[in-house]
Amino acid sequence: MPITHIVLLQFKADISAEAINDVCARMIALKNSCIHPTSQRPYILASSGGVDNSPEGLQNGITHAFVVEFASAQDRDYYVERDPAHREFVRSLDGILEQAQVIDYSNGSF
């Protein structure tokens, strides 16, 4: 069953726009740099994201959102737990985030 992985970020106030843009570009690039260990091919089905533009005012400091789609929970688990490209990306966020939230779901599972 496909999994949708939502990542919500708030950067620290002193982080430059250039650094934020770099993080965002690298997050989107994970679609091609995360390689499945068995197939040796990219396994992220889709990846999108951007800066918040909601007029509702319910962001609670979150400024950027990303949506990553996986074919299965197994692919998502590999990404989160073992994928070297993803793990390196996560390490690169040390010290620049105020907060991060991650929500995963399978469509229609309530």
PDB file of N, CA and C in Angstrom:
ATOM      1  N   MET A   1       0.836  -1.175   0.000  1.00  0.00           N
ATOM      2  CA  MET A   1       0.000   0.000   0.000  1.00  0.00           C
ATOM      3  C   MET A   1       0.888   1.248   0.000  1.00  0.00           C
ATOM      4  N   PRO A   2       0.625   2.202  -0.881  1.00  0.00           N
ATOM      5  CA  PRO A   2       1.442   3.423  -0.933  1.00  0.00           C
ATOM      6  C   PRO A   2       1.406   4.220   0.370  1.00  0.00           C
ATOM      7  N   ILE A   3       2.497   4.901   0.632  1.00  0.00           N
ATOM      8  CA  ILE A   3       2.656   5.732   1.827  1.00  0.00           C
ATOM      9  C   ILE A   3       2.976   7.159   1.392  1.00  0.00           C
ATOM     10  N   THR A   4       2.280   8.114   1.988  1.00  0.00           N
ATOM     11  CA  THR A   4       2.590   9.529   1.802  1.00  0.00           C
ATOM     12  C   THR A   4       3.302  10.007   3.062  1.00  0.00           C
ATOM     13  N   HIS A   5       4.451  10.634   2.866  1.00  0.00           N
ATOM     14  CA  HIS A   5       5.348  11.083   3.939  1.00  0.00           C
ATOM     15  C   HIS A   5       5.395  12.612   3.862  1.00  0.00           C
ATOM     16  N   ILE A   6       4.888  13.280   4.893  1.00  0.00           N
ATOM     17  CA  ILE A   6       4.835  14.741   4.911  1.00  0.00           C
ATOM     18  C   ILE A   6       5.857  15.256   5.916  1.00  0.00           C
ATOM     19  N   VAL A   7       6.696  16.178   5.461  1.00  0.00           N
ATOM     20  CA  VAL A   7       7.743  16.766   6.295  1.00  0.00           C
ATOM     21  C   VAL A   7       7.481  18.263   6.396  1.00  0.00           C
ATOM     22  N   LEU A   8       7.378  18.759   7.626  1.00  0.00           N
ATOM     23  CA  LEU A   8       7.116  20.175   7.886  1.00  0.00           C
ATOM     24  C   LEU A   8       8.300  20.757   8.642  1.00  0.00           C
ATOM     25  N   LEU A   9       8.824  21.885   8.170  1.00  0.00           N
ATOM     26  CA  LEU A   9      10.039  22.456   8.748  1.00  0.00           C
ATOM     27  C   LEU A   9       9.851  23.911   9.136  1.00  0.00           C
ATOM     28  N   GLN A  10      10.514  24.285  10.218  1.00  0.00           N
ATOM     29  CA  GLN A  10      10.681  25.683  10.599  1.00  0.00           C
ATOM     30  C   GLN A  10      12.178  25.886  10.802  1.00  0.00           C
ATOM     31  N   PHE A  11      12.749  26.807  10.062  1.00  0.00           N
ATOM     32  CA  PHE A  11      14.169  27.107  10.176  1.00  0.00           C
ATOM     33  C   PHE A  11      14.395  28.116  11.295  1.00  0.00           C
ATOM     34  N   LYS A  12      15.556  28.058  11.898  1.00  0.00           N
ATOM     35  CA  LYS A  12      15.918  29.045  12.909  1.00  0.00           C
ATOM     36  C   LYS A  12      15.954  30.434  12.261  1.00  0.00           C
ATOM     37  N   ALA A  13      15.675  31.454  13.050  1.00  0.00           N
ATOM     38  CA  ALA A  13      15.528  32.816  12.537  1.00  0.00           C
ATOM     39  C   ALA A  13      16.794  33.355  11.885  1.00  0.00           C
ATOM     40  N   ASP A  14      17.968  32.897  12.313  1.00  0.00           N
ATOM     41  CA  ASP A  14      19.213  33.449  11.782  1.00  0.00           C
ATOM     42  C   ASP A  14      19.761  32.689  10.571  1.00  0.00           C
ATOM     43  N   ILE A  15      19.002  31.770  10.030  1.00  0.00           N
ATOM     44  CA  ILE A  15      19.456  30.995   8.867  1.00  0.00           C
ATOM     45  C   ILE A  15      19.192  31.810   7.603  1.00  0.00           C
ATOM     46  N   SER A  16      20.194  31.914   6.750  1.00  0.00           N
ATOM     47  CA  SER A  16      20.084  32.743   5.541  1.00  0.00           C
ATOM     48  C   SER A  16      19.122  32.125   4.523  1.00  0.00           C
ATOM     49  N   ALA A  17      18.602  32.978   3.668  1.00  0.00           N
ATOM     50  CA  ALA A  17      17.729  32.510   2.582  1.00  0.00           C
ATOM     51  C   ALA A  17      18.474  31.541   1.676  1.00  0.00           C
ATOM     52  N   GLU A  18      19.750  31.764   1.465  1.00  0.00           N
ATOM     53  CA  GLU A  18      20.545  30.870   0.620  1.00  0.00           C
ATOM     54  C   GLU A  18      20.649  29.474   1.237  1.00  0.00           C
ATOM     55  N   ALA A  19      20.856  29.431   2.548  1.00  0.00           N
ATOM     56  CA  ALA A  19      20.937  28.132   3.223  1.00  0.00           C
ATOM     57  C   ALA A  19      19.597  27.410   3.184  1.00  0.00           C
ATOM     58  N   ILE A  20      18.516  28.156   3.361  1.00  0.00           N
ATOM     59  CA  ILE A  20      17.181  27.548   3.296  1.00  0.00           C
ATOM     60  C   ILE A  20      16.915  27.007   1.896  1.00  0.00           C
ATOM     61  N   ASN A  21      17.238  27.796   0.880  1.00  0.00           N
ATOM     62  CA  ASN A  21      17.043  27.329  -0.500  1.00  0.00           C
ATOM     63  C   ASN A  21      17.869  26.087  -0.794  1.00  0.00           C
ATOM     64  N   ASP A  22      19.076  26.028  -0.247  1.00  0.00           N
ATOM     65  CA  ASP A  22      19.927  24.850  -0.433  1.00  0.00           C
ATOM     66  C   ASP A  22      19.283  23.614   0.186  1.00  0.00           C
ATOM     67  N   VAL A  23      18.783  23.744   1.418  1.00  0.00           N
ATOM     68  CA  VAL A  23      18.120  22.614   2.077  1.00  0.00           C
ATOM     69  C   VAL A  23      16.927  22.154   1.251  1.00  0.00           C
ATOM     70  N   CYS A  24      16.120  23.106   0.794  1.00  0.00           N
ATOM     71  CA  CYS A  24      14.920  22.747   0.027  1.00  0.00           C
ATOM     72  C   CYS A  24      15.287  22.031  -1.272  1.00  0.00           C
ATOM     73  N   ALA A  25      16.285  22.525  -1.978  1.00  0.00           N
ATOM     74  CA  ALA A  25      16.721  21.884  -3.226  1.00  0.00           C
ATOM     75  C   ALA A  25      17.243  20.473  -2.957  1.00  0.00           C
ATOM     76  N   ARG A  26      17.994  20.304  -1.875  1.00  0.00           N
ATOM     77  CA  ARG A  26      18.525  18.977  -1.548  1.00  0.00           C
ATOM     78  C   ARG A  26      17.422  18.025  -1.111  1.00  0.00           C
ATOM     79  N   MET A  27      16.396  18.541  -0.431  1.00  0.00           N
ATOM     80  CA  MET A  27      15.258  17.699  -0.038  1.00  0.00           C
ATOM     81  C   MET A  27      14.561  17.164  -1.280  1.00  0.00           C
ATOM     82  N   ILE A  28      14.281  18.026  -2.239  1.00  0.00           N
ATOM     83  CA  ILE A  28      13.627  17.597  -3.478  1.00  0.00           C
ATOM     84  C   ILE A  28      14.533  16.647  -4.265  1.00  0.00           C
ATOM     85  N   ALA A  29      15.835  16.877  -4.246  1.00  0.00           N
ATOM     86  CA  ALA A  29      16.786  16.043  -4.985  1.00  0.00           C
ATOM     87  C   ALA A  29      16.877  14.622  -4.437  1.00  0.00           C
ATOM     88  N   LEU A  30      16.409  14.392  -3.210  1.00  0.00           N
ATOM     89  CA  LEU A  30      16.443  13.034  -2.663  1.00  0.00           C
ATOM     90  C   LEU A  30      15.669  12.054  -3.539  1.00  0.00           C
ATOM     91  N   LYS A  31      14.698  12.546  -4.294  1.00  0.00           N
ATOM     92  CA  LYS A  31      13.931  11.665  -5.194  1.00  0.00           C
ATOM     93  C   LYS A  31      14.868  10.903  -6.133  1.00  0.00           C
ATOM     94  N   ASN A  32      15.934  11.548  -6.567  1.00  0.00           N
ATOM     95  CA  ASN A  32      16.860  10.899  -7.493  1.00  0.00           C
ATOM     96  C   ASN A  32      18.106  10.336  -6.818  1.00  0.00           C
ATOM     97  N   SER A  33      18.447  10.843  -5.651  1.00  0.00           N
ATOM     98  CA  SER A  33      19.681  10.372  -5.003  1.00  0.00           C
ATOM     99  C   SER A  33      19.458   9.216  -4.043  1.00  0.00           C
ATOM    100  N   CYS A  34      18.220   8.942  -3.667  1.00  0.00           N
ATOM    101  CA  CYS A  34      17.929   7.776  -2.822  1.00  0.00           C
ATOM    102  C   CYS A  34      17.768   6.562  -3.729  1.00  0.00           C
ATOM    103  N   ILE A  35      18.652   5.611  -3.557  1.00  0.00           N
ATOM    104  CA  ILE A  35      18.715   4.437  -4.429  1.00  0.00           C
ATOM    105  C   ILE A  35      18.355   3.190  -3.628  1.00  0.00           C
ATOM    106  N   HIS A  36      17.452   2.389  -4.173  1.00  0.00           N
ATOM    107  CA  HIS A  36      17.030   1.159  -3.499  1.00  0.00           C
ATOM    108  C   HIS A  36      18.178   0.146  -3.514  1.00  0.00           C
ATOM    109  N   PRO A  37      18.453  -0.512  -2.401  1.00  0.00           N
ATOM    110  CA  PRO A  37      19.606  -1.411  -2.339  1.00  0.00           C
ATOM    111  C   PRO A  37      19.479  -2.649  -3.224  1.00  0.00           C
ATOM    112  N   THR A  38      18.271  -3.064  -3.529  1.00  0.00           N
ATOM    113  CA  THR A  38      18.085  -4.254  -4.356  1.00  0.00           C
ATOM    114  C   THR A  38      18.061  -3.918  -5.842  1.00  0.00           C
ATOM    115  N   SER A  39      17.226  -2.960  -6.220  1.00  0.00           N
ATOM    116  CA  SER A  39      17.073  -2.623  -7.639  1.00  0.00           C
ATOM    117  C   SER A  39      18.162  -1.690  -8.149  1.00  0.00           C
ATOM    118  N   GLN A  40      18.847  -1.006  -7.228  1.00  0.00           N
ATOM    119  CA  GLN A  40      19.856  -0.005  -7.576  1.00  0.00           C
ATOM    120  C   GLN A  40      19.268   1.123  -8.428  1.00  0.00           C
ATOM    121  N   ARG A  41      17.983   1.424  -8.171  1.00  0.00           N
ATOM    122  CA  ARG A  41      17.286   2.493  -8.885  1.00  0.00           C
ATOM    123  C   ARG A  41      16.606   3.406  -7.859  1.00  0.00           C
ATOM    124  N   PRO A  42      16.339   4.657  -8.253  1.00  0.00           N
ATOM    125  CA  PRO A  42      15.566   5.521  -7.357  1.00  0.00           C
ATOM    126  C   PRO A  42      14.213   4.882  -7.041  1.00  0.00           C
ATOM    127  N   TYR A  43      13.758   5.021  -5.820  1.00  0.00           N
ATOM    128  CA  TYR A  43      12.519   4.352  -5.402  1.00  0.00           C
ATOM    129  C   TYR A  43      11.465   5.316  -4.859  1.00  0.00           C
ATOM    130  N   ILE A  44      11.778   6.582  -4.734  1.00  0.00           N
ATOM    131  CA  ILE A  44      10.777   7.561  -4.334  1.00  0.00           C
ATOM    132  C   ILE A  44       9.898   7.828  -5.548  1.00  0.00           C
ATOM    133  N   LEU A  45       8.589   7.643  -5.387  1.00  0.00           N
ATOM    134  CA  LEU A  45       7.673   7.798  -6.509  1.00  0.00           C
ATOM    135  C   LEU A  45       7.489   9.256  -6.908  1.00  0.00           C
ATOM    136  N   ALA A  46       7.379  10.140  -5.929  1.00  0.00           N
ATOM    137  CA  ALA A  46       7.172  11.567  -6.197  1.00  0.00           C
ATOM    138  C   ALA A  46       7.654  12.368  -5.004  1.00  0.00           C
ATOM    139  N   SER A  47       8.066  13.598  -5.282  1.00  0.00           N
ATOM    140  CA  SER A  47       8.522  14.496  -4.227  1.00  0.00           C
ATOM    141  C   SER A  47       8.184  15.919  -4.639  1.00  0.00           C
ATOM    142  N   SER A  48       7.590  16.656  -3.718  1.00  0.00           N
ATOM    143  CA  SER A  48       7.273  18.055  -3.982  1.00  0.00           C
ATOM    144  C   SER A  48       7.383  18.835  -2.686  1.00  0.00           C
ATOM    145  N   GLY A  49       7.450  20.139  -2.802  1.00  0.00           N
ATOM    146  CA  GLY A  49       7.518  20.952  -1.605  1.00  0.00           C
ATOM    147  C   GLY A  49       7.663  22.413  -1.920  1.00  0.00           C
ATOM    148  N   GLY A  50       7.590  23.222  -0.865  1.00  0.00           N
ATOM    149  CA  GLY A  50       7.750  24.652  -1.039  1.00  0.00           C
ATOM    150  C   GLY A  50       7.510  25.409   0.247  1.00  0.00           C
ATOM    151  N   VAL A  51       7.567  26.726   0.122  1.00  0.00           N
ATOM    152  CA  VAL A  51       7.369  27.622   1.255  1.00  0.00           C
ATOM    153  C   VAL A  51       5.867  27.802   1.484  1.00  0.00           C
ATOM    154  N   ASP A  52       5.506  27.927   2.740  1.00  0.00           N
ATOM    155  CA  ASP A  52       4.099  28.107   3.107  1.00  0.00           C
ATOM    156  C   ASP A  52       3.532  29.391   2.495  1.00  0.00           C
ATOM    157  N   ASN A  53       2.292  29.302   2.017  1.00  0.00           N
ATOM    158  CA  ASN A  53       1.593  30.497   1.547  1.00  0.00           C
ATOM    159  C   ASN A  53       0.128  30.495   1.979  1.00  0.00           C
ATOM    160  N   SER A  54      -0.183  29.782   3.047  1.00  0.00           N
ATOM    161  CA  SER A  54      -1.561  29.688   3.530  1.00  0.00           C
ATOM    162  C   SER A  54      -1.994  30.978   4.221  1.00  0.00           C
ATOM    163  N   PRO A  55      -3.190  31.463   3.916  1.00  0.00           N
ATOM    164  CA  PRO A  55      -3.707  32.650   4.589  1.00  0.00           C
ATOM    165  C   PRO A  55      -4.392  32.342   5.919  1.00  0.00           C
ATOM    166  N   GLU A  56      -4.465  31.074   6.304  1.00  0.00           N
ATOM    167  CA  GLU A  56      -5.239  30.699   7.491  1.00  0.00           C
ATOM    168  C   GLU A  56      -4.588  31.068   8.820  1.00  0.00           C
ATOM    169  N   GLY A  57      -3.261  31.194   8.827  1.00  0.00           N
ATOM    170  CA  GLY A  57      -2.581  31.561  10.067  1.00  0.00           C
ATOM    171  C   GLY A  57      -2.471  30.435  11.082  1.00  0.00           C
ATOM    172  N   LEU A  58      -2.508  29.203  10.639  1.00  0.00           N
ATOM    173  CA  LEU A  58      -2.454  28.054  11.548  1.00  0.00           C
ATOM    174  C   LEU A  58      -1.123  27.291  11.455  1.00  0.00           C
ATOM    175  N   GLN A  59      -0.092  27.941  10.954  1.00  0.00           N
ATOM    176  CA  GLN A  59       1.178  27.268  10.696  1.00  0.00           C
ATOM    177  C   GLN A  59       1.988  26.990  11.958  1.00  0.00           C
ATOM    178  N   ASN A  60       1.757  27.686  13.031  1.00  0.00           N
ATOM    179  CA  ASN A  60       2.509  27.505  14.275  1.00  0.00           C
ATOM    180  C   ASN A  60       4.017  27.532  14.056  1.00  0.00           C
ATOM    181  N   GLY A  61       4.463  28.432  13.201  1.00  0.00           N
ATOM    182  CA  GLY A  61       5.892  28.595  12.945  1.00  0.00           C
ATOM    183  C   GLY A  61       6.424  27.796  11.773  1.00  0.00           C
ATOM    184  N   ILE A  62       5.706  26.802  11.313  1.00  0.00           N
ATOM    185  CA  ILE A  62       6.163  25.989  10.175  1.00  0.00           C
ATOM    186  C   ILE A  62       6.214  26.873   8.935  1.00  0.00           C
ATOM    187  N   THR A  63       7.322  26.804   8.206  1.00  0.00           N
ATOM    188  CA  THR A  63       7.498  27.663   7.033  1.00  0.00           C
ATOM    189  C   THR A  63       7.605  26.901   5.717  1.00  0.00           C
ATOM    190  N   HIS A  64       7.963  25.625   5.763  1.00  0.00           N
ATOM    191  CA  HIS A  64       8.179  24.835   4.551  1.00  0.00           C
ATOM    192  C   HIS A  64       7.553  23.454   4.708  1.00  0.00           C
ATOM    193  N   ALA A  65       7.000  22.954   3.604  1.00  0.00           N
ATOM    194  CA  ALA A  65       6.372  21.626   3.622  1.00  0.00           C
ATOM    195  C   ALA A  65       6.836  20.826   2.416  1.00  0.00           C
ATOM    196  N   PHE A  66       6.983  19.517   2.636  1.00  0.00           N
ATOM    197  CA  PHE A  66       7.398  18.599   1.582  1.00  0.00           C
ATOM    198  C   PHE A  66       6.528  17.349   1.649  1.00  0.00           C
ATOM    199  N   VAL A  67       6.210  16.808   0.494  1.00  0.00           N
ATOM    200  CA  VAL A  67       5.434  15.580   0.404  1.00  0.00           C
ATOM    201  C   VAL A  67       6.245  14.588  -0.423  1.00  0.00           C
ATOM    202  N   VAL A  68       6.480  13.414   0.153  1.00  0.00           N
ATOM    203  CA  VAL A  68       7.257  12.359  -0.503  1.00  0.00           C
ATOM    204  C   VAL A  68       6.369  11.124  -0.564  1.00  0.00           C
ATOM    205  N   GLU A  69       6.294  10.508  -1.723  1.00  0.00           N
ATOM    206  CA  GLU A  69       5.442   9.329  -1.890  1.00  0.00           C
ATOM    207  C   GLU A  69       6.281   8.081  -2.143  1.00  0.00           C
ATOM    208  N   PHE A  70       5.902   7.011  -1.422  1.00  0.00           N
ATOM    209  CA  PHE A  70       6.571   5.719  -1.528  1.00  0.00           C
ATOM    210  C   PHE A  70       5.571   4.661  -1.962  1.00  0.00           C
ATOM    211  N   ALA A  71       6.034   3.638  -2.642  1.00  0.00           N
ATOM    212  CA  ALA A  71       5.163   2.545  -3.092  1.00  0.00           C
ATOM    213  C   ALA A  71       4.706   1.671  -1.936  1.00  0.00           C
ATOM    214  N   SER A  72       5.504   1.639  -0.862  1.00  0.00           N
ATOM    215  CA  SER A  72       5.188   0.718   0.241  1.00  0.00           C
ATOM    216  C   SER A  72       5.767   1.219   1.550  1.00  0.00           C
ATOM    217  N   ALA A  73       5.266   0.660   2.631  1.00  0.00           N
ATOM    218  CA  ALA A  73       5.824   0.956   3.949  1.00  0.00           C
ATOM    219  C   ALA A  73       7.276   0.487   4.025  1.00  0.00           C
ATOM    220  N   GLN A  74       7.600  -0.593   3.342  1.00  0.00           N
ATOM    221  CA  GLN A  74       8.981  -1.089   3.356  1.00  0.00           C
ATOM    222  C   GLN A  74       9.931  -0.073   2.733  1.00  0.00           C
ATOM    223  N   ASP A  75       9.511   0.541   1.611  1.00  0.00           N
ATOM    224  CA  ASP A  75      10.358   1.570   0.996  1.00  0.00           C
ATOM    225  C   ASP A  75      10.499   2.774   1.918  1.00  0.00           C
ATOM    226  N   ARG A  76       9.401   3.203   2.537  1.00  0.00           N
ATOM    227  CA  ARG A  76       9.452   4.320   3.475  1.00  0.00           C
ATOM    228  C   ARG A  76      10.370   3.991   4.653  1.00  0.00           C
ATOM    229  N   ASP A  77      10.261   2.783   5.169  1.00  0.00           N
ATOM    230  CA  ASP A  77      11.085   2.387   6.305  1.00  0.00           C
ATOM    231  C   ASP A  77      12.562   2.379   5.939  1.00  0.00           C
ATOM    232  N   TYR A  78      12.894   1.899   4.752  1.00  0.00           N
ATOM    233  CA  TYR A  78      14.286   1.917   4.307  1.00  0.00           C
ATOM    234  C   TYR A  78      14.778   3.368   4.236  1.00  0.00           C
ATOM    235  N   TYR A  79      13.976   4.236   3.662  1.00  0.00           N
ATOM    236  CA  TYR A  79      14.308   5.658   3.538  1.00  0.00           C
ATOM    237  C   TYR A  79      14.593   6.271   4.908  1.00  0.00           C
ATOM    238  N   VAL A  80      13.706   6.048   5.843  1.00  0.00           N
ATOM    239  CA  VAL A  80      13.818   6.659   7.170  1.00  0.00           C
ATOM    240  C   VAL A  80      14.952   6.044   7.979  1.00  0.00           C
ATOM    241  N   GLU A  81      15.119   4.758   7.908  1.00  0.00           N
ATOM    242  CA  GLU A  81      16.036   4.059   8.806  1.00  0.00           C
ATOM    243  C   GLU A  81      17.427   3.798   8.248  1.00  0.00           C
ATOM    244  N   ARG A  82      17.556   3.598   6.912  1.00  0.00           N
ATOM    245  CA  ARG A  82      18.845   3.115   6.410  1.00  0.00           C
ATOM    246  C   ARG A  82      19.395   3.830   5.177  1.00  0.00           C
ATOM    247  N   ASP A  83      18.580   4.510   4.411  1.00  0.00           N
ATOM    248  CA  ASP A  83      19.083   5.087   3.159  1.00  0.00           C
ATOM    249  C   ASP A  83      20.215   6.078   3.449  1.00  0.00           C
ATOM    250  N   PRO A  84      21.413   5.833   2.899  1.00  0.00           N
ATOM    251  CA  PRO A  84      22.559   6.703   3.212  1.00  0.00           C
ATOM    252  C   PRO A  84      22.357   8.145   2.751  1.00  0.00           C
ATOM    253  N   ALA A  85      21.734   8.358   1.608  1.00  0.00           N
ATOM    254  CA  ALA A  85      21.519   9.727   1.121  1.00  0.00           C
ATOM    255  C   ALA A  85      20.572  10.483   2.053  1.00  0.00           C
ATOM    256  N   HIS A  86      19.515   9.820   2.486  1.00  0.00           N
ATOM    257  CA  HIS A  86      18.570  10.462   3.398  1.00  0.00           C
ATOM    258  C   HIS A  86      19.213  10.712   4.757  1.00  0.00           C
ATOM    259  N   ARG A  87      19.951   9.750   5.254  1.00  0.00           N
ATOM    260  CA  ARG A  87      20.590   9.908   6.568  1.00  0.00           C
ATOM    261  C   ARG A  87      21.578  11.082   6.554  1.00  0.00           C
ATOM    262  N   GLU A  88      22.325  11.223   5.459  1.00  0.00           N
ATOM    263  CA  GLU A  88      23.265  12.335   5.339  1.00  0.00           C
ATOM    264  C   GLU A  88      22.499  13.664   5.276  1.00  0.00           C
ATOM    265  N   PHE A  89      21.400  13.694   4.548  1.00  0.00           N
ATOM    266  CA  PHE A  89      20.573  14.894   4.484  1.00  0.00           C
ATOM    267  C   PHE A  89      20.093  15.284   5.885  1.00  0.00           C
ATOM    268  N   VAL A  90      19.574  14.336   6.629  1.00  0.00           N
ATOM    269  CA  VAL A  90      19.076  14.612   7.979  1.00  0.00           C
ATOM    270  C   VAL A  90      20.206  15.150   8.861  1.00  0.00           C
ATOM    271  N   ARG A  91      21.375  14.551   8.769  1.00  0.00           N
ATOM    272  CA  ARG A  91      22.525  15.035   9.559  1.00  0.00           C
ATOM    273  C   ARG A  91      22.853  16.486   9.206  1.00  0.00           C
ATOM    274  N   SER A  92      22.677  16.865   7.948  1.00  0.00           N
ATOM    275  CA  SER A  92      23.022  18.219   7.510  1.00  0.00           C
ATOM    276  C   SER A  92      22.087  19.278   8.088  1.00  0.00           C
ATOM    277  N   LEU A  93      20.961  18.866   8.662  1.00  0.00           N
ATOM    278  CA  LEU A  93      19.996  19.799   9.231  1.00  0.00           C
ATOM    279  C   LEU A  93      20.326  20.183  10.669  1.00  0.00           C
ATOM    280  N   ASP A  94      21.303  19.520  11.247  1.00  0.00           N
ATOM    281  CA  ASP A  94      21.662  19.775  12.643  1.00  0.00           C
ATOM    282  C   ASP A  94      22.018  21.246  12.842  1.00  0.00           C
ATOM    283  N   GLY A  95      21.325  21.892  13.765  1.00  0.00           N
ATOM    284  CA  GLY A  95      21.626  23.268  14.111  1.00  0.00           C
ATOM    285  C   GLY A  95      20.917  24.328  13.292  1.00  0.00           C
ATOM    286  N   ILE A  96      20.151  23.945  12.271  1.00  0.00           N
ATOM    287  CA  ILE A  96      19.499  24.972  11.454  1.00  0.00           C
ATOM    288  C   ILE A  96      17.976  24.952  11.555  1.00  0.00           C
ATOM    289  N   LEU A  97      17.420  23.928  12.221  1.00  0.00           N
ATOM    290  CA  LEU A  97      15.970  23.845  12.350  1.00  0.00           C
ATOM    291  C   LEU A  97      15.506  24.250  13.737  1.00  0.00           C
ATOM    292  N   GLU A  98      14.438  25.007  13.767  1.00  0.00           N
ATOM    293  CA  GLU A  98      13.754  25.320  15.012  1.00  0.00           C
ATOM    294  C   GLU A  98      12.860  24.147  15.401  1.00  0.00           C
ATOM    295  N   GLN A  99      12.153  23.615  14.390  1.00  0.00           N
ATOM    296  CA  GLN A  99      11.317  22.440  14.623  1.00  0.00           C
ATOM    297  C   GLN A  99      11.093  21.702  13.313  1.00  0.00           C
ATOM    298  N   ALA A 100      10.788  20.423  13.457  1.00  0.00           N
ATOM    299  CA  ALA A 100      10.416  19.582  12.321  1.00  0.00           C
ATOM    300  C   ALA A 100       9.297  18.666  12.770  1.00  0.00           C
ATOM    301  N   GLN A 101       8.373  18.412  11.863  1.00  0.00           N
ATOM    302  CA  GLN A 101       7.293  17.464  12.111  1.00  0.00           C
ATOM    303  C   GLN A 101       7.209  16.544  10.906  1.00  0.00           C
ATOM    304  N   VAL A 102       6.910  15.274  11.168  1.00  0.00           N
ATOM    305  CA  VAL A 102       6.742  14.301  10.086  1.00  0.00           C
ATOM    306  C   VAL A 102       5.462  13.530  10.349  1.00  0.00           C
ATOM    307  N   ILE A 103       4.659  13.426   9.309  1.00  0.00           N
ATOM    308  CA  ILE A 103       3.410  12.671   9.358  1.00  0.00           C
ATOM    309  C   ILE A 103       3.397  11.743   8.150  1.00  0.00           C
ATOM    310  N   ASP A 104       3.074  10.482   8.383  1.00  0.00           N
ATOM    311  CA  ASP A 104       2.925   9.516   7.296  1.00  0.00           C
ATOM    312  C   ASP A 104       1.522   8.952   7.311  1.00  0.00           C
ATOM    313  N   TYR A 105       1.000   8.639   6.137  1.00  0.00           N
ATOM    314  CA  TYR A 105      -0.317   7.996   6.086  1.00  0.00           C
ATOM    315  C   TYR A 105      -0.455   7.181   4.815  1.00  0.00           C
ATOM    316  N   SER A 106      -1.381   6.241   4.876  1.00  0.00           N
ATOM    317  CA  SER A 106      -1.831   5.496   3.701  1.00  0.00           C
ATOM    318  C   SER A 106      -3.202   6.029   3.347  1.00  0.00           C
ATOM    319  N   ASN A 107      -3.391   6.412   2.108  1.00  0.00           N
ATOM    320  CA  ASN A 107      -4.630   7.025   1.675  1.00  0.00           C
ATOM    321  C   ASN A 107      -5.827   6.121   1.992  1.00  0.00           C
ATOM    322  N   GLY A 108      -6.817   6.695   2.652  1.00  0.00           N
ATOM    323  CA  GLY A 108      -8.032   5.966   2.981  1.00  0.00           C
ATOM    324  C   GLY A 108      -7.996   5.174   4.261  1.00  0.00           C
ATOM    325  N   SER A 109      -6.844   5.107   4.925  1.00  0.00           N
ATOM    326  CA  SER A 109      -6.737   4.401   6.199  1.00  0.00           C
ATOM    327  C   SER A 109      -7.046   5.375   7.326  1.00  0.00           C
ATOM    328  N   PHE A 110      -8.168   5.161   8.012  1.00  0.00           N
ATOM    329  CA  PHE A 110      -8.589   6.093   9.056  1.00  0.00           C
ATOM    330  C   PHE A 110      -8.597   5.435  10.413  1.00  0.00           C
TER     331      PHE A 110
END
